[in-house]
Amino acid sequence: MSFLEGPVVESEAVGDFARVMRPVALRAAPLPSGAAEAGRLNLRQEDVKNGLGQLVLTLVKLLHELLEKQAIRRIETGSLTEPEIERLGVTLMRQAQEIDRLRRAFNLEDEDLNIDLGPLGRLL
């Protein structure tokens, strides 16, 4: 395979991902009457912005939940002092509040941050 050809990826999983993400990030506006190019997407800026916001917030929420689980593990093993536990709890609480504030700013519901990964199930 030469450098110009590039790798060929054939996977149903990629198609599943594209199918799942299409309703979120690529909502096409209806074509005006008499439009000659029926194959072109007419993307609305607001939909793209909200789709990107949804994706970013989903990743941030996923990282937040992973941090919470790691914090709980560290607390249960006794590797944190009482002041460290307090600071960690306050920090995680503030993160959750900020994620919720941003979610509301993008007019998203909690369910909107739980992306369906097709055969893999729900993300969160």
C-alpha atoms as a PDB file:
ATOM      1  CA  MET A   1       0.000   0.000   0.000  1.00  0.00           C
ATOM      2  CA  SER A   2       1.421   3.361  -0.943  1.00  0.00           C
ATOM      3  CA  PHE A   3       1.299   6.523   1.173  1.00  0.00           C
ATOM      4  CA  LEU A   4      -1.202   8.161  -1.199  1.00  0.00           C
ATOM      5  CA  GLU A   5      -3.635   5.257  -1.100  1.00  0.00           C
ATOM      6  CA  GLY A   6      -3.936   5.314   2.692  1.00  0.00           C
ATOM      7  CA  PRO A   7      -5.437   2.581   4.804  1.00  0.00           C
ATOM      8  CA  VAL A   8      -8.819   1.167   3.969  1.00  0.00           C
ATOM      9  CA  VAL A   9     -11.178   0.760   6.909  1.00  0.00           C
ATOM     10  CA  GLU A  10     -14.177  -1.457   6.483  1.00  0.00           C
ATOM     11  CA  SER A  11     -16.128  -1.875   9.657  1.00  0.00           C
ATOM     12  CA  GLU A  12     -19.786  -2.052  10.490  1.00  0.00           C
ATOM     13  CA  ALA A  13     -18.937  -0.325  13.773  1.00  0.00           C
ATOM     14  CA  VAL A  14     -17.889   2.848  11.937  1.00  0.00           C
ATOM     15  CA  GLY A  15     -21.168   2.805  10.036  1.00  0.00           C
ATOM     16  CA  ASP A  16     -23.053   2.290  13.283  1.00  0.00           C
ATOM     17  CA  PHE A  17     -21.208   5.232  14.836  1.00  0.00           C
ATOM     18  CA  ALA A  18     -22.018   7.448  11.859  1.00  0.00           C
ATOM     19  CA  ARG A  19     -25.665   6.411  11.977  1.00  0.00           C
ATOM     20  CA  VAL A  20     -25.889   7.149  15.697  1.00  0.00           C
ATOM     21  CA  MET A  21     -24.160  10.528  15.433  1.00  0.00           C
ATOM     22  CA  ARG A  22     -26.031  11.743  12.338  1.00  0.00           C
ATOM     23  CA  PRO A  23     -29.245  12.735  14.160  1.00  0.00           C
ATOM     24  CA  VAL A  24     -27.243  14.692  16.738  1.00  0.00           C
ATOM     25  CA  ALA A  25     -24.673  16.615  14.721  1.00  0.00           C
ATOM     26  CA  LEU A  26     -25.926  16.643  11.145  1.00  0.00           C
ATOM     27  CA  ARG A  27     -29.578  17.528  11.172  1.00  0.00           C
ATOM     28  CA  ALA A  28     -30.216  18.688   7.657  1.00  0.00           C
ATOM     29  CA  ALA A  29     -32.599  21.564   7.105  1.00  0.00           C
ATOM     30  CA  PRO A  30     -35.265  20.924   4.486  1.00  0.00           C
ATOM     31  CA  LEU A  31     -34.233  21.991   1.008  1.00  0.00           C
ATOM     32  CA  PRO A  32     -36.028  25.018  -0.412  1.00  0.00           C
ATOM     33  CA  SER A  33     -38.660  24.229  -3.001  1.00  0.00           C
ATOM     34  CA  GLY A  34     -37.185  23.826  -6.463  1.00  0.00           C
ATOM     35  CA  ALA A  35     -33.694  23.045  -5.154  1.00  0.00           C
ATOM     36  CA  ALA A  36     -31.703  21.282  -7.848  1.00  0.00           C
ATOM     37  CA  GLU A  37     -29.122  19.682  -5.565  1.00  0.00           C
ATOM     38  CA  ALA A  38     -31.071  17.132  -3.584  1.00  0.00           C
ATOM     39  CA  GLY A  39     -27.874  15.428  -2.376  1.00  0.00           C
ATOM     40  CA  ARG A  40     -26.440  18.439  -0.527  1.00  0.00           C
ATOM     41  CA  LEU A  41     -26.838  19.059   3.170  1.00  0.00           C
ATOM     42  CA  ASN A  42     -28.025  22.429   4.317  1.00  0.00           C
ATOM     43  CA  LEU A  43     -26.666  22.537   7.862  1.00  0.00           C
ATOM     44  CA  ARG A  44     -28.096  24.977  10.361  1.00  0.00           C
ATOM     45  CA  GLN A  45     -25.455  26.647  12.512  1.00  0.00           C
ATOM     46  CA  GLU A  46     -27.485  26.261  15.723  1.00  0.00           C
ATOM     47  CA  ASP A  47     -27.874  22.486  15.238  1.00  0.00           C
ATOM     48  CA  VAL A  48     -24.163  22.023  14.604  1.00  0.00           C
ATOM     49  CA  LYS A  49     -23.279  24.124  17.670  1.00  0.00           C
ATOM     50  CA  ASN A  50     -25.643  22.142  19.889  1.00  0.00           C
ATOM     51  CA  GLY A  51     -24.379  18.851  18.460  1.00  0.00           C
ATOM     52  CA  LEU A  52     -20.799  19.801  19.225  1.00  0.00           C
ATOM     53  CA  GLY A  53     -21.795  21.057  22.672  1.00  0.00           C
ATOM     54  CA  GLN A  54     -23.594  17.776  23.327  1.00  0.00           C
ATOM     55  CA  LEU A  55     -20.568  15.746  22.284  1.00  0.00           C
ATOM     56  CA  VAL A  56     -18.129  17.790  24.404  1.00  0.00           C
ATOM     57  CA  LEU A  57     -20.412  17.741  27.448  1.00  0.00           C
ATOM     58  CA  THR A  58     -20.887  14.001  27.065  1.00  0.00           C
ATOM     59  CA  LEU A  59     -17.121  13.492  27.165  1.00  0.00           C
ATOM     60  CA  VAL A  60     -16.738  15.853  30.135  1.00  0.00           C
ATOM     61  CA  LYS A  61     -19.525  14.045  32.009  1.00  0.00           C
ATOM     62  CA  LEU A  62     -17.907  10.678  31.247  1.00  0.00           C
ATOM     63  CA  LEU A  63     -14.568  11.913  32.624  1.00  0.00           C
ATOM     64  CA  HIS A  64     -16.324  13.342  35.679  1.00  0.00           C
ATOM     65  CA  GLU A  65     -17.978   9.995  36.422  1.00  0.00           C
ATOM     66  CA  LEU A  66     -14.640   8.197  36.032  1.00  0.00           C
ATOM     67  CA  LEU A  67     -13.050  10.655  38.480  1.00  0.00           C
ATOM     68  CA  GLU A  68     -15.879  10.032  40.955  1.00  0.00           C
ATOM     69  CA  LYS A  69     -15.391   6.264  40.760  1.00  0.00           C
ATOM     70  CA  GLN A  70     -11.642   6.635  41.227  1.00  0.00           C
ATOM     71  CA  ALA A  71     -12.219   8.916  44.230  1.00  0.00           C
ATOM     72  CA  ILE A  72     -14.559   6.374  45.809  1.00  0.00           C
ATOM     73  CA  ARG A  73     -11.960   3.623  45.302  1.00  0.00           C
ATOM     74  CA  ARG A  74      -9.269   5.748  46.939  1.00  0.00           C
ATOM     75  CA  ILE A  75     -11.551   6.589  49.872  1.00  0.00           C
ATOM     76  CA  GLU A  76     -12.456   2.926  50.375  1.00  0.00           C
ATOM     77  CA  THR A  77      -8.793   1.875  50.366  1.00  0.00           C
ATOM     78  CA  GLY A  78      -7.963   4.530  52.952  1.00  0.00           C
ATOM     79  CA  SER A  79      -5.311   6.274  50.845  1.00  0.00           C
ATOM     80  CA  LEU A  80      -6.813   9.743  51.430  1.00  0.00           C
ATOM     81  CA  THR A  81      -6.828  11.865  54.567  1.00  0.00           C
ATOM     82  CA  GLU A  82      -9.994  13.533  55.857  1.00  0.00           C
ATOM     83  CA  PRO A  83      -9.015  16.999  54.477  1.00  0.00           C
ATOM     84  CA  GLU A  84      -8.211  15.424  51.071  1.00  0.00           C
ATOM     85  CA  ILE A  85     -11.592  13.672  51.050  1.00  0.00           C
ATOM     86  CA  GLU A  86     -13.327  16.955  51.862  1.00  0.00           C
ATOM     87  CA  ARG A  87     -11.498  18.866  49.102  1.00  0.00           C
ATOM     88  CA  LEU A  88     -12.148  16.100  46.605  1.00  0.00           C
ATOM     89  CA  GLY A  89     -15.860  16.033  47.455  1.00  0.00           C
ATOM     90  CA  VAL A  90     -16.214  19.804  47.086  1.00  0.00           C
ATOM     91  CA  THR A  91     -14.328  19.763  43.776  1.00  0.00           C
ATOM     92  CA  LEU A  92     -16.466  16.959  42.338  1.00  0.00           C
ATOM     93  CA  MET A  93     -19.625  18.731  43.511  1.00  0.00           C
ATOM     94  CA  ARG A  94     -18.581  21.961  41.788  1.00  0.00           C
ATOM     95  CA  GLN A  95     -17.724  20.064  38.611  1.00  0.00           C
ATOM     96  CA  ALA A  96     -21.165  18.434  38.605  1.00  0.00           C
ATOM     97  CA  GLN A  97     -22.822  21.837  39.069  1.00  0.00           C
ATOM     98  CA  GLU A  98     -20.827  23.334  36.188  1.00  0.00           C
ATOM     99  CA  ILE A  99     -21.655  20.412  33.898  1.00  0.00           C
ATOM    100  CA  ASP A 100     -25.334  20.875  34.787  1.00  0.00           C
ATOM    101  CA  ARG A 101     -25.120  24.643  34.128  1.00  0.00           C
ATOM    102  CA  LEU A 102     -23.559  24.045  30.698  1.00  0.00           C
ATOM    103  CA  ARG A 103     -26.120  21.344  29.907  1.00  0.00           C
ATOM    104  CA  ARG A 104     -28.915  23.832  30.565  1.00  0.00           C
ATOM    105  CA  ALA A 105     -27.120  26.527  28.524  1.00  0.00           C
ATOM    106  CA  PHE A 106     -27.203  24.183  25.502  1.00  0.00           C
ATOM    107  CA  ASN A 107     -30.855  23.258  26.197  1.00  0.00           C
ATOM    108  CA  LEU A 108     -29.939  19.609  26.745  1.00  0.00           C
ATOM    109  CA  GLU A 109     -31.533  17.052  29.036  1.00  0.00           C
ATOM    110  CA  ASP A 110     -29.564  14.500  31.079  1.00  0.00           C
ATOM    111  CA  GLU A 111     -30.663  11.808  28.614  1.00  0.00           C
ATOM    112  CA  ASP A 112     -29.099  13.801  25.752  1.00  0.00           C
ATOM    113  CA  LEU A 113     -25.649  13.239  27.289  1.00  0.00           C
ATOM    114  CA  ASN A 114     -26.113   9.477  27.273  1.00  0.00           C
ATOM    115  CA  ILE A 115     -25.265   8.740  23.638  1.00  0.00           C
ATOM    116  CA  ASP A 116     -26.419   5.434  22.144  1.00  0.00           C
ATOM    117  CA  LEU A 117     -23.353   3.562  20.845  1.00  0.00           C
ATOM    118  CA  GLY A 118     -25.391   1.079  18.856  1.00  0.00           C
ATOM    119  CA  PRO A 119     -24.348  -2.505  19.568  1.00  0.00           C
ATOM    120  CA  LEU A 120     -22.169  -1.340  22.473  1.00  0.00           C
ATOM    121  CA  GLY A 121     -25.160   0.092  24.361  1.00  0.00           C
ATOM    122  CA  ARG A 122     -25.523   3.437  26.100  1.00  0.00           C
ATOM    123  CA  LEU A 123     -22.394   5.456  26.991  1.00  0.00           C
ATOM    124  CA  LEU A 124     -23.283   6.466  30.559  1.00  0.00           C
END
